Amino acid sequence: MVSVYFPKTYRRFLYAFFFTSWCSGLTFFVLKTWFVQEGEYGLVKHAWQFPALQVHGAMAFLMMIGFGFVLGAHIPRSWKTKKKRRTGIVLITMPSLLVLSGYLLYYIAEDTFREWVEYIHLAIGFLLPFILMVHIAKKIHTKKLRRVNREDKLEKI
């Protein structure tokens, strides 16, 4: 069972999945947008575009499992502490929107709506690591403050 803090092993796996998902998603977008090649019969997709999308899709499944873990183990206990709720709410909302937009991208064929969903998915996916870093930085800052307060109390004794 997980308390408010993740064990190192879980954290490392989640960060690895997250990092791989983020990198593969950005790689896919960059290849799709700026690395279209001239082929024998016109413009051709870059050769690594589809493998990048495959890795991104595989990581999406692992991220959904990790997100389920966070929803079931971390959030209920953390919510009771009433700390970092704002970034926590954003970190619940953003992956939920990524799952929804990823689903829509997989099944939507209409070009205009698909393009909107693609850019929304890209924007949320691009920003998510930075929101996560703020959430983690607040945790680190809180730990440092607690340590300083303990040291101050010990010096007074």
N, C-alpha and C. Protein backbone atom coordinates (compact mmCIF):
# COMPACT_ATOMS: atom_id res chain seq x y z
N MET A 1 0.84 -1.19 0.00
CA MET A 1 0.00 0.00 0.00
C MET A 1 0.88 1.24 0.00
N VAL A 2 0.43 2.27 -0.65
CA VAL A 2 1.20 3.49 -0.78
C VAL A 2 0.59 4.56 0.12
N SER A 3 1.47 5.27 0.79
CA SER A 3 1.00 6.38 1.60
C SER A 3 0.98 7.62 0.71
N VAL A 4 1.12 8.77 1.29
CA VAL A 4 1.13 10.01 0.53
C VAL A 4 2.33 10.03 -0.43
N TYR A 5 3.45 9.48 0.02
CA TYR A 5 4.66 9.48 -0.80
C TYR A 5 4.82 8.15 -1.52
N PHE A 6 5.30 8.23 -2.75
CA PHE A 6 5.52 7.03 -3.55
C PHE A 6 6.82 6.35 -3.14
N PRO A 7 6.83 5.02 -3.09
CA PRO A 7 8.12 4.33 -2.94
C PRO A 7 8.99 4.62 -4.17
N LYS A 8 10.31 4.57 -3.99
CA LYS A 8 11.24 4.91 -5.07
C LYS A 8 11.01 4.08 -6.32
N THR A 9 10.73 2.79 -6.17
CA THR A 9 10.55 1.92 -7.33
C THR A 9 9.36 2.38 -8.16
N TYR A 10 8.24 2.67 -7.53
CA TYR A 10 7.06 3.15 -8.26
C TYR A 10 7.36 4.47 -8.95
N ARG A 11 8.01 5.37 -8.21
CA ARG A 11 8.35 6.67 -8.76
C ARG A 11 9.22 6.54 -10.01
N ARG A 12 10.23 5.69 -9.94
CA ARG A 12 11.13 5.51 -11.08
C ARG A 12 10.40 4.96 -12.30
N PHE A 13 9.52 3.98 -12.09
CA PHE A 13 8.75 3.45 -13.21
C PHE A 13 7.83 4.51 -13.80
N LEU A 14 7.12 5.23 -12.94
CA LEU A 14 6.22 6.27 -13.43
C LEU A 14 6.98 7.35 -14.19
N TYR A 15 8.11 7.78 -13.67
CA TYR A 15 8.90 8.79 -14.36
C TYR A 15 9.43 8.26 -15.69
N ALA A 16 9.86 7.01 -15.73
CA ALA A 16 10.36 6.41 -16.97
C ALA A 16 9.25 6.34 -18.02
N PHE A 17 8.06 5.88 -17.62
CA PHE A 17 6.93 5.83 -18.55
C PHE A 17 6.58 7.24 -19.03
N PHE A 18 6.54 8.16 -18.10
CA PHE A 18 6.18 9.54 -18.40
C PHE A 18 7.18 10.16 -19.37
N PHE A 19 8.46 10.00 -19.09
CA PHE A 19 9.51 10.57 -19.93
C PHE A 19 9.48 9.97 -21.33
N THR A 20 9.32 8.66 -21.42
CA THR A 20 9.28 7.99 -22.72
C THR A 20 8.05 8.42 -23.50
N SER A 21 6.93 8.54 -22.83
CA SER A 21 5.70 8.98 -23.48
C SER A 21 5.85 10.41 -24.00
N TRP A 22 6.41 11.27 -23.19
CA TRP A 22 6.59 12.67 -23.57
C TRP A 22 7.53 12.80 -24.76
N CYS A 23 8.67 12.12 -24.68
CA CYS A 23 9.66 12.19 -25.76
C CYS A 23 9.13 11.60 -27.06
N SER A 24 8.46 10.46 -26.98
CA SER A 24 7.94 9.84 -28.19
C SER A 24 6.82 10.67 -28.81
N GLY A 25 5.99 11.29 -27.98
CA GLY A 25 4.94 12.16 -28.50
C GLY A 25 5.50 13.38 -29.20
N LEU A 26 6.50 14.01 -28.58
CA LEU A 26 7.13 15.17 -29.22
C LEU A 26 7.87 14.76 -30.49
N THR A 27 8.53 13.62 -30.45
CA THR A 27 9.23 13.12 -31.64
C THR A 27 8.25 12.90 -32.78
N PHE A 28 7.12 12.26 -32.48
CA PHE A 28 6.11 12.05 -33.51
C PHE A 28 5.65 13.37 -34.10
N PHE A 29 5.34 14.34 -33.23
CA PHE A 29 4.84 15.63 -33.71
C PHE A 29 5.88 16.35 -34.57
N VAL A 30 7.13 16.37 -34.13
CA VAL A 30 8.19 17.03 -34.89
C VAL A 30 8.38 16.37 -36.25
N LEU A 31 8.42 15.03 -36.26
CA LEU A 31 8.59 14.31 -37.53
C LEU A 31 7.40 14.55 -38.46
N LYS A 32 6.21 14.56 -37.89
CA LYS A 32 4.99 14.76 -38.69
C LYS A 32 4.91 16.17 -39.26
N THR A 33 5.37 17.15 -38.48
CA THR A 33 5.21 18.54 -38.86
C THR A 33 6.35 19.05 -39.74
N TRP A 34 7.59 18.76 -39.38
CA TRP A 34 8.72 19.39 -40.04
C TRP A 34 9.63 18.46 -40.85
N PHE A 35 9.38 17.17 -40.80
CA PHE A 35 10.28 16.26 -41.49
C PHE A 35 9.57 15.42 -42.54
N VAL A 36 8.66 16.03 -43.25
CA VAL A 36 8.01 15.37 -44.38
C VAL A 36 9.04 15.35 -45.51
N GLN A 37 9.16 14.21 -46.17
CA GLN A 37 10.18 14.05 -47.19
C GLN A 37 9.56 13.96 -48.58
N GLU A 38 10.35 14.35 -49.55
CA GLU A 38 9.93 14.23 -50.94
C GLU A 38 10.21 12.81 -51.40
N GLY A 39 9.15 12.13 -51.81
CA GLY A 39 9.29 10.76 -52.30
C GLY A 39 9.14 10.70 -53.81
N GLU A 40 9.12 9.51 -54.32
CA GLU A 40 9.02 9.31 -55.77
C GLU A 40 7.70 9.84 -56.32
N TYR A 41 6.62 9.75 -55.51
CA TYR A 41 5.29 10.17 -55.96
C TYR A 41 4.74 11.35 -55.17
N GLY A 42 5.58 12.13 -54.55
CA GLY A 42 5.13 13.29 -53.78
C GLY A 42 5.65 13.24 -52.35
N LEU A 43 4.99 13.97 -51.46
CA LEU A 43 5.44 14.04 -50.06
C LEU A 43 5.18 12.71 -49.36
N VAL A 44 6.16 12.31 -48.56
CA VAL A 44 6.11 11.04 -47.84
C VAL A 44 6.41 11.30 -46.36
N LYS A 45 5.75 10.56 -45.49
CA LYS A 45 6.01 10.67 -44.06
C LYS A 45 7.43 10.18 -43.75
N HIS A 46 8.00 10.73 -42.68
CA HIS A 46 9.32 10.31 -42.25
C HIS A 46 9.26 8.85 -41.80
N ALA A 47 10.32 8.12 -42.03
CA ALA A 47 10.35 6.68 -41.73
C ALA A 47 10.18 6.38 -40.24
N TRP A 48 10.60 7.29 -39.36
CA TRP A 48 10.51 7.04 -37.92
C TRP A 48 9.21 7.54 -37.31
N GLN A 49 8.37 8.16 -38.11
CA GLN A 49 7.13 8.73 -37.58
C GLN A 49 6.23 7.64 -37.00
N PHE A 50 5.98 6.59 -37.72
CA PHE A 50 5.09 5.53 -37.23
C PHE A 50 5.68 4.79 -36.02
N PRO A 51 6.99 4.42 -36.03
CA PRO A 51 7.54 3.80 -34.82
C PRO A 51 7.45 4.71 -33.58
N ALA A 52 7.63 6.03 -33.77
CA ALA A 52 7.49 6.95 -32.64
C ALA A 52 6.07 6.93 -32.11
N LEU A 53 5.11 6.86 -33.02
CA LEU A 53 3.70 6.79 -32.60
C LEU A 53 3.39 5.47 -31.91
N GLN A 54 4.00 4.38 -32.36
CA GLN A 54 3.80 3.08 -31.72
C GLN A 54 4.33 3.10 -30.28
N VAL A 55 5.52 3.66 -30.10
CA VAL A 55 6.09 3.77 -28.74
C VAL A 55 5.19 4.65 -27.88
N HIS A 56 4.73 5.75 -28.45
CA HIS A 56 3.86 6.66 -27.71
C HIS A 56 2.56 5.96 -27.29
N GLY A 57 1.99 5.17 -28.18
CA GLY A 57 0.77 4.42 -27.87
C GLY A 57 1.00 3.38 -26.78
N ALA A 58 2.13 2.68 -26.86
CA ALA A 58 2.45 1.68 -25.82
C ALA A 58 2.63 2.36 -24.46
N MET A 59 3.32 3.49 -24.46
CA MET A 59 3.52 4.23 -23.22
C MET A 59 2.20 4.78 -22.69
N ALA A 60 1.28 5.09 -23.59
CA ALA A 60 -0.03 5.59 -23.16
C ALA A 60 -0.74 4.55 -22.31
N PHE A 61 -0.66 3.29 -22.72
CA PHE A 61 -1.29 2.24 -21.91
C PHE A 61 -0.61 2.12 -20.54
N LEU A 62 0.71 2.16 -20.52
CA LEU A 62 1.42 2.08 -19.24
C LEU A 62 1.13 3.30 -18.38
N MET A 63 1.03 4.47 -19.01
CA MET A 63 0.70 5.68 -18.27
C MET A 63 -0.71 5.61 -17.68
N MET A 64 -1.64 5.01 -18.42
CA MET A 64 -3.01 4.87 -17.88
C MET A 64 -3.01 3.94 -16.67
N ILE A 65 -2.20 2.91 -16.69
CA ILE A 65 -2.07 2.03 -15.52
C ILE A 65 -1.48 2.82 -14.36
N GLY A 66 -0.42 3.59 -14.65
CA GLY A 66 0.19 4.42 -13.61
C GLY A 66 -0.77 5.47 -13.08
N PHE A 67 -1.57 6.06 -13.96
CA PHE A 67 -2.55 7.05 -13.55
C PHE A 67 -3.61 6.41 -12.66
N GLY A 68 -4.00 5.20 -12.99
CA GLY A 68 -4.95 4.47 -12.14
C GLY A 68 -4.37 4.22 -10.76
N PHE A 69 -3.09 3.90 -10.71
CA PHE A 69 -2.40 3.71 -9.44
C PHE A 69 -2.42 5.00 -8.62
N VAL A 70 -2.11 6.11 -9.29
CA VAL A 70 -2.11 7.41 -8.60
C VAL A 70 -3.51 7.75 -8.10
N LEU A 71 -4.52 7.50 -8.94
CA LEU A 71 -5.90 7.78 -8.54
C LEU A 71 -6.33 6.94 -7.34
N GLY A 72 -5.90 5.69 -7.32
CA GLY A 72 -6.35 4.78 -6.26
C GLY A 72 -5.55 4.85 -4.98
N ALA A 73 -4.25 5.12 -5.10
CA ALA A 73 -3.39 5.03 -3.91
C ALA A 73 -2.93 6.39 -3.39
N HIS A 74 -2.55 7.27 -4.27
CA HIS A 74 -1.93 8.52 -3.84
C HIS A 74 -2.96 9.61 -3.53
N ILE A 75 -3.91 9.79 -4.41
CA ILE A 75 -4.84 10.92 -4.28
C ILE A 75 -5.72 10.84 -3.03
N PRO A 76 -6.35 9.70 -2.72
CA PRO A 76 -7.20 9.69 -1.53
C PRO A 76 -6.46 10.06 -0.24
N ARG A 77 -5.24 9.58 -0.11
CA ARG A 77 -4.48 9.90 1.11
C ARG A 77 -3.95 11.33 1.09
N SER A 78 -3.51 11.79 -0.09
CA SER A 78 -2.98 13.14 -0.20
C SER A 78 -4.06 14.19 -0.03
N TRP A 79 -5.27 13.89 -0.48
CA TRP A 79 -6.36 14.85 -0.40
C TRP A 79 -6.64 15.22 1.06
N LYS A 80 -6.47 14.26 1.93
CA LYS A 80 -6.75 14.50 3.36
C LYS A 80 -5.75 15.47 3.97
N THR A 81 -4.54 15.57 3.41
CA THR A 81 -3.53 16.47 3.97
C THR A 81 -3.78 17.93 3.62
N LYS A 82 -4.62 18.16 2.60
CA LYS A 82 -4.98 19.51 2.15
C LYS A 82 -3.78 20.32 1.66
N LYS A 83 -2.74 19.64 1.21
CA LYS A 83 -1.55 20.31 0.68
C LYS A 83 -1.47 20.07 -0.82
N LYS A 84 -0.99 21.05 -1.53
CA LYS A 84 -0.74 20.96 -2.97
C LYS A 84 -1.98 20.55 -3.76
N ARG A 85 -3.15 20.98 -3.29
CA ARG A 85 -4.40 20.58 -3.96
C ARG A 85 -4.54 21.19 -5.35
N ARG A 86 -4.12 22.44 -5.51
CA ARG A 86 -4.29 23.09 -6.82
C ARG A 86 -3.52 22.34 -7.90
N THR A 87 -2.23 22.12 -7.66
CA THR A 87 -1.46 21.39 -8.68
C THR A 87 -1.94 19.96 -8.79
N GLY A 88 -2.42 19.40 -7.69
CA GLY A 88 -2.96 18.05 -7.73
C GLY A 88 -4.20 17.94 -8.60
N ILE A 89 -5.07 18.93 -8.49
CA ILE A 89 -6.29 18.94 -9.33
C ILE A 89 -5.90 19.07 -10.80
N VAL A 90 -4.95 19.94 -11.07
CA VAL A 90 -4.48 20.09 -12.45
C VAL A 90 -3.87 18.78 -12.94
N LEU A 91 -3.14 18.10 -12.07
CA LEU A 91 -2.50 16.83 -12.45
C LEU A 91 -3.50 15.68 -12.56
N ILE A 92 -4.69 15.85 -12.07
CA ILE A 92 -5.75 14.87 -12.32
C ILE A 92 -6.45 15.20 -13.63
N THR A 93 -6.69 16.48 -13.84
CA THR A 93 -7.43 16.93 -15.02
C THR A 93 -6.64 16.72 -16.32
N MET A 94 -5.37 17.09 -16.31
CA MET A 94 -4.58 17.03 -17.55
C MET A 94 -4.45 15.60 -18.10
N PRO A 95 -4.06 14.62 -17.30
CA PRO A 95 -4.00 13.26 -17.86
C PRO A 95 -5.37 12.75 -18.30
N SER A 96 -6.41 13.15 -17.59
CA SER A 96 -7.76 12.73 -18.00
C SER A 96 -8.08 13.28 -19.39
N LEU A 97 -7.72 14.54 -19.62
CA LEU A 97 -7.94 15.14 -20.93
C LEU A 97 -7.05 14.50 -22.00
N LEU A 98 -5.85 14.11 -21.61
CA LEU A 98 -4.97 13.42 -22.56
C LEU A 98 -5.54 12.07 -22.97
N VAL A 99 -6.09 11.34 -22.01
CA VAL A 99 -6.71 10.05 -22.33
C VAL A 99 -7.89 10.27 -23.27
N LEU A 100 -8.73 11.24 -22.96
CA LEU A 100 -9.90 11.52 -23.80
C LEU A 100 -9.48 11.97 -25.20
N SER A 101 -8.54 12.90 -25.28
CA SER A 101 -8.12 13.40 -26.60
C SER A 101 -7.36 12.32 -27.37
N GLY A 102 -6.60 11.48 -26.68
CA GLY A 102 -5.93 10.36 -27.35
C GLY A 102 -6.93 9.39 -27.95
N TYR A 103 -7.98 9.11 -27.21
CA TYR A 103 -9.06 8.26 -27.71
C TYR A 103 -9.69 8.89 -28.95
N LEU A 104 -9.98 10.18 -28.86
CA LEU A 104 -10.60 10.88 -29.99
C LEU A 104 -9.67 10.88 -31.21
N LEU A 105 -8.38 11.07 -30.99
CA LEU A 105 -7.44 11.06 -32.12
C LEU A 105 -7.41 9.70 -32.80
N TYR A 106 -7.59 8.67 -32.02
CA TYR A 106 -7.55 7.33 -32.58
C TYR A 106 -8.78 7.05 -33.43
N TYR A 107 -9.93 7.63 -33.07
CA TYR A 107 -11.18 7.27 -33.74
C TYR A 107 -11.80 8.35 -34.61
N ILE A 108 -11.28 9.57 -34.59
CA ILE A 108 -11.89 10.65 -35.38
C ILE A 108 -11.29 10.67 -36.78
N ALA A 109 -12.14 10.82 -37.76
CA ALA A 109 -11.69 10.89 -39.14
C ALA A 109 -11.84 12.29 -39.73
N GLU A 110 -12.74 13.10 -39.18
CA GLU A 110 -12.98 14.44 -39.71
C GLU A 110 -11.75 15.32 -39.50
N ASP A 111 -11.26 15.93 -40.55
CA ASP A 111 -9.98 16.63 -40.52
C ASP A 111 -9.95 17.86 -39.62
N THR A 112 -10.95 18.72 -39.68
CA THR A 112 -10.92 19.97 -38.92
C THR A 112 -10.96 19.70 -37.42
N PHE A 113 -11.91 18.90 -36.97
CA PHE A 113 -12.03 18.59 -35.54
C PHE A 113 -10.80 17.81 -35.06
N ARG A 114 -10.31 16.91 -35.87
CA ARG A 114 -9.14 16.11 -35.53
C ARG A 114 -7.92 17.02 -35.32
N GLU A 115 -7.77 18.02 -36.16
CA GLU A 115 -6.64 18.93 -36.03
C GLU A 115 -6.72 19.71 -34.71
N TRP A 116 -7.92 20.16 -34.34
CA TRP A 116 -8.10 20.84 -33.06
C TRP A 116 -7.74 19.93 -31.89
N VAL A 117 -8.23 18.70 -31.94
CA VAL A 117 -7.96 17.73 -30.87
C VAL A 117 -6.46 17.42 -30.81
N GLU A 118 -5.83 17.33 -31.97
CA GLU A 118 -4.39 17.05 -32.02
C GLU A 118 -3.59 18.14 -31.32
N TYR A 119 -3.94 19.40 -31.58
CA TYR A 119 -3.20 20.50 -30.96
C TYR A 119 -3.53 20.65 -29.47
N ILE A 120 -4.74 20.35 -29.08
CA ILE A 120 -5.09 20.34 -27.65
C ILE A 120 -4.29 19.25 -26.94
N HIS A 121 -4.24 18.06 -27.54
CA HIS A 121 -3.49 16.93 -26.98
C HIS A 121 -2.00 17.31 -26.87
N LEU A 122 -1.48 17.93 -27.91
CA LEU A 122 -0.08 18.36 -27.90
C LEU A 122 0.19 19.38 -26.81
N ALA A 123 -0.66 20.38 -26.69
CA ALA A 123 -0.45 21.44 -25.69
C ALA A 123 -0.49 20.88 -24.27
N ILE A 124 -1.49 20.07 -23.99
CA ILE A 124 -1.60 19.48 -22.64
C ILE A 124 -0.42 18.56 -22.37
N GLY A 125 -0.11 17.71 -23.35
CA GLY A 125 1.01 16.78 -23.17
C GLY A 125 2.33 17.48 -23.01
N PHE A 126 2.51 18.58 -23.73
CA PHE A 126 3.76 19.33 -23.61
C PHE A 126 3.88 20.00 -22.25
N LEU A 127 2.78 20.54 -21.73
CA LEU A 127 2.81 21.29 -20.46
C LEU A 127 2.80 20.39 -19.22
N LEU A 128 2.29 19.20 -19.34
CA LEU A 128 2.12 18.33 -18.18
C LEU A 128 3.40 18.10 -17.37
N PRO A 129 4.56 17.85 -17.99
CA PRO A 129 5.75 17.65 -17.17
C PRO A 129 6.12 18.86 -16.32
N PHE A 130 5.84 20.05 -16.84
CA PHE A 130 6.18 21.26 -16.09
C PHE A 130 5.26 21.43 -14.88
N ILE A 131 3.99 21.08 -15.04
CA ILE A 131 3.07 21.12 -13.90
C ILE A 131 3.48 20.07 -12.87
N LEU A 132 3.88 18.90 -13.34
CA LEU A 132 4.35 17.86 -12.43
C LEU A 132 5.60 18.32 -11.67
N MET A 133 6.49 19.02 -12.36
CA MET A 133 7.70 19.52 -11.69
C MET A 133 7.34 20.53 -10.60
N VAL A 134 6.35 21.38 -10.85
CA VAL A 134 5.91 22.34 -9.83
C VAL A 134 5.35 21.58 -8.63
N HIS A 135 4.54 20.56 -8.89
CA HIS A 135 3.95 19.75 -7.83
C HIS A 135 5.05 19.10 -6.99
N ILE A 136 6.04 18.54 -7.62
CA ILE A 136 7.15 17.87 -6.92
C ILE A 136 8.02 18.90 -6.20
N ALA A 137 8.26 20.04 -6.84
CA ALA A 137 9.08 21.09 -6.21
C ALA A 137 8.42 21.59 -4.93
N LYS A 138 7.10 21.68 -4.93
CA LYS A 138 6.39 22.08 -3.70
C LYS A 138 6.60 21.06 -2.61
N LYS A 139 6.61 19.78 -2.98
CA LYS A 139 6.85 18.73 -1.99
C LYS A 139 8.25 18.87 -1.40
N ILE A 140 9.23 19.09 -2.26
CA ILE A 140 10.62 19.23 -1.81
C ILE A 140 10.76 20.46 -0.92
N HIS A 141 10.12 21.56 -1.31
CA HIS A 141 10.17 22.78 -0.51
C HIS A 141 9.54 22.56 0.86
N THR A 142 8.42 21.86 0.90
CA THR A 142 7.74 21.56 2.16
C THR A 142 8.63 20.71 3.06
N LYS A 143 9.30 19.72 2.48
CA LYS A 143 10.21 18.88 3.26
C LYS A 143 11.35 19.70 3.86
N LYS A 144 11.90 20.62 3.06
CA LYS A 144 13.00 21.47 3.55
C LYS A 144 12.52 22.36 4.69
N LEU A 145 11.32 22.92 4.54
CA LEU A 145 10.79 23.77 5.61
C LEU A 145 10.60 22.98 6.90
N ARG A 146 10.09 21.75 6.77
CA ARG A 146 9.91 20.91 7.96
C ARG A 146 11.25 20.62 8.62
N ARG A 147 12.27 20.34 7.81
CA ARG A 147 13.60 20.04 8.35
C ARG A 147 14.17 21.25 9.07
N VAL A 148 14.01 22.44 8.49
CA VAL A 148 14.51 23.67 9.11
C VAL A 148 13.76 23.93 10.41
N ASN A 149 12.45 23.72 10.41
CA ASN A 149 11.66 23.93 11.64
C ASN A 149 12.10 22.96 12.74
N ARG A 150 12.36 21.71 12.38
CA ARG A 150 12.83 20.75 13.37
C ARG A 150 14.17 21.16 13.95
N GLU A 151 15.08 21.62 13.05
CA GLU A 151 16.40 22.03 13.51
C GLU A 151 16.29 23.26 14.43
N ASP A 152 15.41 24.18 14.10
CA ASP A 152 15.19 25.36 14.95
C ASP A 152 14.68 24.96 16.32
N LYS A 153 13.75 24.03 16.37
CA LYS A 153 13.21 23.55 17.65
C LYS A 153 14.28 22.86 18.47
N LEU A 154 15.15 22.08 17.81
CA LEU A 154 16.22 21.40 18.53
C LEU A 154 17.22 22.38 19.08
N GLU A 155 17.51 23.47 18.36
CA GLU A 155 18.45 24.47 18.84
C GLU A 155 17.89 25.21 20.05
N LYS A 156 16.58 25.38 20.12
CA LYS A 156 15.96 26.09 21.24
C LYS A 156 16.02 25.26 22.51
N ILE A 157 16.08 23.95 22.36
CA ILE A 157 16.09 23.08 23.54
C ILE A 157 17.42 23.07 24.14
